[in-house]
């Protein structure tokens, strides 16, 4: 687990506030993608340096 990952309690609090469109499927990896974006902005690293645990 990296420092950018959320605890289950934090995710339960945040998830209802994420804007999910009325059309299209619900993102299967929403939490993984959200944590990847958090990693990017917390570290200032480049997208290509993102750890594999956050997906492609």
C-alpha atoms as a PDB file:
ATOM      1  CA  UNK A   1       0.000   0.000   0.000  1.00  0.00           C
ATOM      2  CA  UNK A   2       1.385   3.406  -0.942  1.00  0.00           C
ATOM      3  CA  UNK A   3       0.734   6.573   0.963  1.00  0.00           C
ATOM      4  CA  UNK A   4      -1.776   7.601  -1.692  1.00  0.00           C
ATOM      5  CA  UNK A   5      -4.114   4.713  -1.039  1.00  0.00           C
ATOM      6  CA  UNK A   6      -7.275   5.222   0.948  1.00  0.00           C
ATOM      7  CA  UNK A   7      -8.477   3.192   3.863  1.00  0.00           C
ATOM      8  CA  UNK A   8     -11.833   1.454   3.480  1.00  0.00           C
ATOM      9  CA  UNK A   9     -13.416   3.980   5.861  1.00  0.00           C
ATOM     10  CA  UNK A  10     -12.139   6.913   3.787  1.00  0.00           C
ATOM     11  CA  UNK A  11     -13.419   5.333   0.570  1.00  0.00           C
ATOM     12  CA  UNK A  12     -16.896   4.759   2.049  1.00  0.00           C
ATOM     13  CA  UNK A  13     -16.984   8.467   2.922  1.00  0.00           C
ATOM     14  CA  UNK A  14     -15.746   9.729  -0.487  1.00  0.00           C
ATOM     15  CA  UNK A  15     -17.478   7.383  -2.948  1.00  0.00           C
ATOM     16  CA  UNK A  16     -21.004   8.883  -2.743  1.00  0.00           C
ATOM     17  CA  UNK A  17     -19.631  12.317  -3.696  1.00  0.00           C
ATOM     18  CA  UNK A  18     -17.927  11.242  -6.927  1.00  0.00           C
ATOM     19  CA  UNK A  19     -19.768  12.395 -10.040  1.00  0.00           C
ATOM     20  CA  UNK A  20     -20.911   9.336 -11.970  1.00  0.00           C
ATOM     21  CA  UNK A  21     -22.748  10.065 -15.221  1.00  0.00           C
ATOM     22  CA  UNK A  22     -26.286   8.906 -15.818  1.00  0.00           C
ATOM     23  CA  UNK A  23     -25.218   7.072 -18.972  1.00  0.00           C
ATOM     24  CA  UNK A  24     -22.716   4.307 -19.452  1.00  0.00           C
ATOM     25  CA  UNK A  25     -21.426   1.589 -17.159  1.00  0.00           C
ATOM     26  CA  UNK A  26     -20.186   2.284 -13.659  1.00  0.00           C
ATOM     27  CA  UNK A  27     -16.375   2.266 -13.725  1.00  0.00           C
ATOM     28  CA  UNK A  28     -15.223  -1.106 -12.419  1.00  0.00           C
ATOM     29  CA  UNK A  29     -11.929   0.257 -11.161  1.00  0.00           C
ATOM     30  CA  UNK A  30     -13.175   3.594  -9.836  1.00  0.00           C
ATOM     31  CA  UNK A  31     -11.271   3.357  -6.565  1.00  0.00           C
ATOM     32  CA  UNK A  32      -8.051   2.304  -8.302  1.00  0.00           C
ATOM     33  CA  UNK A  33      -8.353   5.163 -10.791  1.00  0.00           C
ATOM     34  CA  UNK A  34      -9.196   7.693  -8.071  1.00  0.00           C
ATOM     35  CA  UNK A  35      -6.169   6.638  -6.019  1.00  0.00           C
ATOM     36  CA  UNK A  36      -3.978   6.897  -9.130  1.00  0.00           C
ATOM     37  CA  UNK A  37      -5.058  10.489  -9.645  1.00  0.00           C
ATOM     38  CA  UNK A  38      -4.438  11.222  -5.967  1.00  0.00           C
ATOM     39  CA  UNK A  39      -0.941   9.712  -6.270  1.00  0.00           C
ATOM     40  CA  UNK A  40      -0.202  11.930  -9.271  1.00  0.00           C
ATOM     41  CA  UNK A  41      -1.159  15.158  -7.541  1.00  0.00           C
ATOM     42  CA  UNK A  42       0.339  14.295  -4.145  1.00  0.00           C
ATOM     43  CA  UNK A  43       3.739  13.315  -5.501  1.00  0.00           C
ATOM     44  CA  UNK A  44       3.990  15.592  -8.510  1.00  0.00           C
ATOM     45  CA  UNK A  45       5.311  12.593 -10.428  1.00  0.00           C
ATOM     46  CA  UNK A  46       4.733  12.089 -14.104  1.00  0.00           C
ATOM     47  CA  UNK A  47       1.963   9.814 -15.338  1.00  0.00           C
ATOM     48  CA  UNK A  48       4.510   7.393 -16.814  1.00  0.00           C
ATOM     49  CA  UNK A  49       6.083   6.989 -13.343  1.00  0.00           C
ATOM     50  CA  UNK A  50       2.813   5.842 -11.779  1.00  0.00           C
ATOM     51  CA  UNK A  51       3.067   2.529  -9.883  1.00  0.00           C
ATOM     52  CA  UNK A  52       1.483  -0.482 -11.635  1.00  0.00           C
ATOM     53  CA  UNK A  53      -0.945  -1.014  -8.733  1.00  0.00           C
ATOM     54  CA  UNK A  54      -3.034   1.898 -10.049  1.00  0.00           C
ATOM     55  CA  UNK A  55      -3.458   0.359 -13.491  1.00  0.00           C
ATOM     56  CA  UNK A  56      -2.543   1.583 -16.937  1.00  0.00           C
END
